[in-house]
Amino acid sequence: MDPAQHTGVSPAQRGYGSTAIGSIGPTDRLLPPSVDRLPPEGRDLLQRLLRPDPRERLRSLLQLQRIALYQHYRWDDVRNRKIRPRDLFDDQCLLQEDDILFTDF
């Protein structure tokens, strides 16, 4: 599958790395450089979501709740829609202008 088919721009054109599937590791450089600034728990989440083998990926809310990034998260508030996805990020993270791909977030 060619990412440019859906976005109009390939990852290589955006500077995210090569589009040659055989030349990249499991979660290498298909992500923007700002991923390197995530805390270890955030990188762990991305690695678990982006594993090449679907059987190894996070596949349920229960699995998600058990990872370090979300262990202290108020899951009842999530279920009751009291928390928006934006509330997961601190103000400094929201001010970053590196990743402008999620303008509607």
N, C-alpha and C. Protein backbone atom coordinates (compact mmCIF):
# COMPACT_ATOMS: atom_id res chain seq x y z
N MET A 1 0.84 -1.18 0.00
CA MET A 1 0.00 0.00 0.00
C MET A 1 0.88 1.24 0.00
N ASP A 2 0.59 2.15 -0.84
CA ASP A 2 1.36 3.39 -0.96
C ASP A 2 0.68 4.48 -0.13
N PRO A 3 1.37 5.01 0.92
CA PRO A 3 0.77 6.07 1.74
C PRO A 3 0.38 7.30 0.93
N ALA A 4 1.11 7.57 -0.14
CA ALA A 4 0.81 8.74 -0.95
C ALA A 4 -0.56 8.63 -1.59
N GLN A 5 -1.06 7.42 -1.75
CA GLN A 5 -2.38 7.21 -2.32
C GLN A 5 -3.46 7.86 -1.45
N HIS A 6 -3.25 7.88 -0.15
CA HIS A 6 -4.23 8.42 0.78
C HIS A 6 -3.93 9.85 1.19
N THR A 7 -2.67 10.24 1.15
CA THR A 7 -2.29 11.56 1.65
C THR A 7 -1.85 12.51 0.55
N GLY A 8 -1.51 11.96 -0.61
CA GLY A 8 -0.99 12.79 -1.68
C GLY A 8 0.50 13.04 -1.59
N VAL A 9 1.11 12.67 -0.46
CA VAL A 9 2.54 12.88 -0.24
C VAL A 9 3.10 11.63 0.42
N SER A 10 4.22 11.16 -0.09
CA SER A 10 4.83 9.97 0.51
C SER A 10 5.59 10.35 1.77
N PRO A 11 5.82 9.39 2.69
CA PRO A 11 6.63 9.68 3.87
C PRO A 11 8.01 10.21 3.53
N ALA A 12 8.61 9.73 2.45
CA ALA A 12 9.93 10.21 2.06
C ALA A 12 9.88 11.69 1.68
N GLN A 13 8.80 12.10 1.00
CA GLN A 13 8.66 13.51 0.63
C GLN A 13 8.47 14.40 1.85
N ARG A 14 7.89 13.87 2.88
CA ARG A 14 7.70 14.63 4.12
C ARG A 14 8.96 14.63 4.97
N GLY A 15 9.93 13.78 4.62
CA GLY A 15 11.15 13.71 5.40
C GLY A 15 11.07 12.72 6.53
N TYR A 16 10.11 11.78 6.49
CA TYR A 16 9.93 10.82 7.56
C TYR A 16 10.69 9.53 7.33
N GLY A 17 11.32 9.39 6.21
CA GLY A 17 12.09 8.18 5.97
C GLY A 17 11.73 7.57 4.64
N SER A 18 12.28 6.44 4.38
CA SER A 18 12.08 5.74 3.12
C SER A 18 10.73 5.07 3.08
N THR A 19 10.17 4.96 1.88
CA THR A 19 8.92 4.23 1.72
C THR A 19 9.16 2.77 1.38
N ALA A 20 10.42 2.38 1.22
CA ALA A 20 10.73 0.99 0.90
C ALA A 20 10.52 0.14 2.15
N ILE A 21 9.49 -0.68 2.13
CA ILE A 21 9.12 -1.46 3.31
C ILE A 21 10.26 -2.35 3.78
N GLY A 22 10.98 -2.95 2.88
CA GLY A 22 12.04 -3.86 3.27
C GLY A 22 13.22 -3.18 3.95
N SER A 23 13.33 -1.88 3.83
CA SER A 23 14.51 -1.20 4.36
C SER A 23 14.30 -0.60 5.74
N ILE A 24 13.11 -0.73 6.30
CA ILE A 24 12.87 -0.12 7.60
C ILE A 24 12.63 -1.17 8.66
N GLY A 25 12.89 -0.79 9.90
CA GLY A 25 12.62 -1.67 11.03
C GLY A 25 11.15 -1.61 11.39
N PRO A 26 10.78 -2.27 12.48
CA PRO A 26 9.38 -2.36 12.86
C PRO A 26 8.67 -1.02 13.01
N THR A 27 9.30 -0.03 13.61
CA THR A 27 8.64 1.27 13.77
C THR A 27 9.57 2.41 13.41
N ASP A 28 10.58 2.14 12.60
CA ASP A 28 11.55 3.17 12.24
C ASP A 28 10.96 4.22 11.32
N ARG A 29 11.39 5.39 11.45
CA ARG A 29 11.22 6.59 10.65
C ARG A 29 9.98 6.73 9.78
N LEU A 30 8.91 6.07 10.09
CA LEU A 30 7.66 6.40 9.44
C LEU A 30 6.93 7.44 10.28
N LEU A 31 7.50 7.74 11.42
CA LEU A 31 6.92 8.72 12.33
C LEU A 31 7.71 10.01 12.25
N PRO A 32 7.08 11.12 12.58
CA PRO A 32 7.81 12.39 12.54
C PRO A 32 8.92 12.43 13.58
N PRO A 33 9.93 13.26 13.36
CA PRO A 33 11.05 13.35 14.29
C PRO A 33 10.64 13.72 15.71
N SER A 34 9.52 14.38 15.88
CA SER A 34 9.09 14.79 17.22
C SER A 34 8.78 13.61 18.12
N VAL A 35 8.62 12.42 17.56
CA VAL A 35 8.39 11.22 18.37
C VAL A 35 9.57 11.00 19.32
N ASP A 36 10.75 11.41 18.91
CA ASP A 36 11.94 11.24 19.75
C ASP A 36 11.84 12.02 21.06
N ARG A 37 10.98 13.03 21.09
CA ARG A 37 10.82 13.83 22.31
C ARG A 37 9.76 13.26 23.25
N LEU A 38 9.07 12.22 22.84
CA LEU A 38 8.08 11.60 23.72
C LEU A 38 8.75 10.94 24.91
N PRO A 39 8.04 10.85 26.01
CA PRO A 39 8.60 10.09 27.14
C PRO A 39 8.67 8.62 26.75
N PRO A 40 9.48 7.83 27.45
CA PRO A 40 9.60 6.40 27.12
C PRO A 40 8.25 5.69 27.06
N GLU A 41 7.31 6.09 27.92
CA GLU A 41 6.00 5.45 27.92
C GLU A 41 5.25 5.72 26.62
N GLY A 42 5.40 6.93 26.08
CA GLY A 42 4.75 7.28 24.82
C GLY A 42 5.33 6.52 23.65
N ARG A 43 6.66 6.41 23.62
CA ARG A 43 7.31 5.62 22.56
C ARG A 43 6.91 4.15 22.65
N ASP A 44 6.80 3.65 23.89
CA ASP A 44 6.37 2.26 24.09
C ASP A 44 4.98 2.04 23.51
N LEU A 45 4.07 2.98 23.74
CA LEU A 45 2.71 2.87 23.20
C LEU A 45 2.75 2.80 21.67
N LEU A 46 3.48 3.71 21.04
CA LEU A 46 3.56 3.71 19.58
C LEU A 46 4.15 2.41 19.06
N GLN A 47 5.20 1.92 19.71
CA GLN A 47 5.81 0.67 19.26
C GLN A 47 4.82 -0.49 19.36
N ARG A 48 4.03 -0.51 20.42
CA ARG A 48 3.06 -1.60 20.58
C ARG A 48 1.91 -1.49 19.57
N LEU A 49 1.53 -0.28 19.21
CA LEU A 49 0.46 -0.09 18.24
C LEU A 49 0.91 -0.36 16.81
N LEU A 50 2.20 -0.16 16.54
CA LEU A 50 2.71 -0.25 15.18
C LEU A 50 3.51 -1.52 14.89
N ARG A 51 3.38 -2.51 15.73
CA ARG A 51 4.10 -3.77 15.47
C ARG A 51 3.63 -4.37 14.16
N PRO A 52 4.57 -4.88 13.35
CA PRO A 52 4.22 -5.44 12.05
C PRO A 52 3.25 -6.62 12.13
N ASP A 53 3.40 -7.45 13.13
CA ASP A 53 2.53 -8.61 13.29
C ASP A 53 1.27 -8.19 14.06
N PRO A 54 0.10 -8.22 13.43
CA PRO A 54 -1.13 -7.78 14.10
C PRO A 54 -1.42 -8.52 15.40
N ARG A 55 -0.94 -9.76 15.51
CA ARG A 55 -1.20 -10.53 16.74
C ARG A 55 -0.42 -9.98 17.93
N GLU A 56 0.62 -9.19 17.67
CA GLU A 56 1.45 -8.64 18.75
C GLU A 56 1.04 -7.22 19.14
N ARG A 57 0.15 -6.60 18.37
CA ARG A 57 -0.27 -5.22 18.65
C ARG A 57 -1.24 -5.15 19.81
N LEU A 58 -1.35 -3.96 20.39
CA LEU A 58 -2.40 -3.72 21.38
C LEU A 58 -3.73 -3.83 20.65
N ARG A 59 -4.65 -4.63 21.20
CA ARG A 59 -5.90 -4.86 20.49
C ARG A 59 -7.14 -4.65 21.34
N SER A 60 -6.96 -4.30 22.59
CA SER A 60 -8.15 -4.12 23.43
C SER A 60 -7.93 -2.98 24.41
N LEU A 61 -9.02 -2.46 24.92
CA LEU A 61 -8.95 -1.41 25.92
C LEU A 61 -8.26 -1.92 27.18
N LEU A 62 -8.49 -3.16 27.52
CA LEU A 62 -7.85 -3.74 28.71
C LEU A 62 -6.33 -3.74 28.55
N GLN A 63 -5.83 -4.14 27.39
CA GLN A 63 -4.39 -4.11 27.14
C GLN A 63 -3.86 -2.68 27.21
N LEU A 64 -4.60 -1.75 26.66
CA LEU A 64 -4.18 -0.36 26.67
C LEU A 64 -4.10 0.18 28.09
N GLN A 65 -5.05 -0.18 28.92
CA GLN A 65 -5.07 0.30 30.30
C GLN A 65 -3.88 -0.20 31.11
N ARG A 66 -3.29 -1.28 30.70
CA ARG A 66 -2.20 -1.89 31.46
C ARG A 66 -0.82 -1.33 31.12
N ILE A 67 -0.69 -0.58 30.05
CA ILE A 67 0.63 -0.05 29.71
C ILE A 67 0.94 1.16 30.59
N ALA A 68 2.22 1.44 30.75
CA ALA A 68 2.69 2.46 31.68
C ALA A 68 2.09 3.84 31.41
N LEU A 69 1.93 4.19 30.15
CA LEU A 69 1.46 5.53 29.81
C LEU A 69 0.08 5.82 30.39
N TYR A 70 -0.76 4.81 30.49
CA TYR A 70 -2.14 5.03 30.91
C TYR A 70 -2.49 4.44 32.27
N GLN A 71 -1.54 3.95 33.03
CA GLN A 71 -1.85 3.30 34.29
C GLN A 71 -2.54 4.22 35.29
N HIS A 72 -2.24 5.50 35.26
CA HIS A 72 -2.84 6.43 36.22
C HIS A 72 -3.92 7.30 35.59
N TYR A 73 -4.38 6.90 34.43
CA TYR A 73 -5.39 7.66 33.71
C TYR A 73 -6.77 7.38 34.31
N ARG A 74 -7.64 8.36 34.30
CA ARG A 74 -8.98 8.22 34.87
C ARG A 74 -9.92 7.59 33.83
N TRP A 75 -9.95 6.28 33.79
CA TRP A 75 -10.70 5.56 32.77
C TRP A 75 -12.20 5.75 32.89
N ASP A 76 -12.72 5.95 34.10
CA ASP A 76 -14.15 6.21 34.24
C ASP A 76 -14.54 7.52 33.55
N ASP A 77 -13.66 8.51 33.63
CA ASP A 77 -13.93 9.77 32.94
C ASP A 77 -13.90 9.61 31.43
N VAL A 78 -13.04 8.72 30.95
CA VAL A 78 -12.99 8.44 29.51
C VAL A 78 -14.30 7.79 29.07
N ARG A 79 -14.72 6.78 29.81
CA ARG A 79 -15.96 6.08 29.45
C ARG A 79 -17.16 7.02 29.46
N ASN A 80 -17.17 7.95 30.39
CA ASN A 80 -18.28 8.89 30.51
C ASN A 80 -18.10 10.14 29.66
N ARG A 81 -17.05 10.13 28.84
CA ARG A 81 -16.73 11.23 27.91
C ARG A 81 -16.55 12.57 28.61
N LYS A 82 -15.95 12.53 29.77
CA LYS A 82 -15.63 13.76 30.49
C LYS A 82 -14.26 14.29 30.09
N ILE A 83 -13.47 13.46 29.41
CA ILE A 83 -12.12 13.83 29.00
C ILE A 83 -12.01 13.74 27.48
N ARG A 84 -11.44 14.78 26.88
CA ARG A 84 -11.19 14.78 25.43
C ARG A 84 -9.79 14.22 25.16
N PRO A 85 -9.53 13.71 23.98
CA PRO A 85 -8.18 13.23 23.67
C PRO A 85 -7.13 14.31 23.90
N ARG A 86 -7.48 15.54 23.66
CA ARG A 86 -6.55 16.66 23.84
C ARG A 86 -6.07 16.75 25.30
N ASP A 87 -6.89 16.30 26.24
CA ASP A 87 -6.53 16.37 27.65
C ASP A 87 -5.36 15.45 28.02
N LEU A 88 -4.99 14.55 27.13
CA LEU A 88 -3.86 13.66 27.38
C LEU A 88 -2.52 14.39 27.32
N PHE A 89 -2.50 15.54 26.67
CA PHE A 89 -1.25 16.24 26.41
C PHE A 89 -1.11 17.46 27.30
N ASP A 90 0.12 17.75 27.69
CA ASP A 90 0.35 18.95 28.47
C ASP A 90 0.44 20.17 27.54
N ASP A 91 0.43 21.36 28.14
CA ASP A 91 0.42 22.59 27.35
C ASP A 91 1.64 22.72 26.46
N GLN A 92 2.81 22.31 26.95
CA GLN A 92 4.03 22.41 26.15
C GLN A 92 3.92 21.55 24.89
N CYS A 93 3.39 20.37 25.04
CA CYS A 93 3.23 19.47 23.90
C CYS A 93 2.27 20.07 22.88
N LEU A 94 1.19 20.68 23.35
CA LEU A 94 0.20 21.25 22.45
C LEU A 94 0.72 22.47 21.70
N LEU A 95 1.75 23.12 22.23
CA LEU A 95 2.31 24.29 21.57
C LEU A 95 3.33 23.94 20.50
N GLN A 96 3.77 22.69 20.45
CA GLN A 96 4.75 22.27 19.46
C GLN A 96 4.16 22.44 18.07
N GLU A 97 4.95 22.98 17.17
CA GLU A 97 4.48 23.20 15.81
C GLU A 97 5.11 22.23 14.82
N ASP A 98 5.84 21.26 15.32
CA ASP A 98 6.51 20.32 14.43
C ASP A 98 5.53 19.45 13.66
N ASP A 99 4.50 19.00 14.34
CA ASP A 99 3.55 18.08 13.73
C ASP A 99 2.25 18.81 13.43
N ILE A 100 2.13 19.29 12.22
CA ILE A 100 0.94 20.04 11.85
C ILE A 100 -0.05 19.17 11.08
N LEU A 101 0.14 17.86 11.15
CA LEU A 101 -0.70 16.95 10.40
C LEU A 101 -2.07 16.75 11.04
N PHE A 102 -2.20 17.05 12.33
CA PHE A 102 -3.44 16.79 13.04
C PHE A 102 -4.12 18.11 13.39
N THR A 103 -4.50 18.86 12.40
CA THR A 103 -5.04 20.20 12.63
C THR A 103 -6.42 20.18 13.26
N ASP A 104 -7.18 19.12 13.08
CA ASP A 104 -8.53 19.06 13.63
C ASP A 104 -8.59 18.44 15.00
N PHE A 105 -7.46 18.12 15.58
CA PHE A 105 -7.42 17.40 16.85
C PHE A 105 -7.80 18.31 17.99
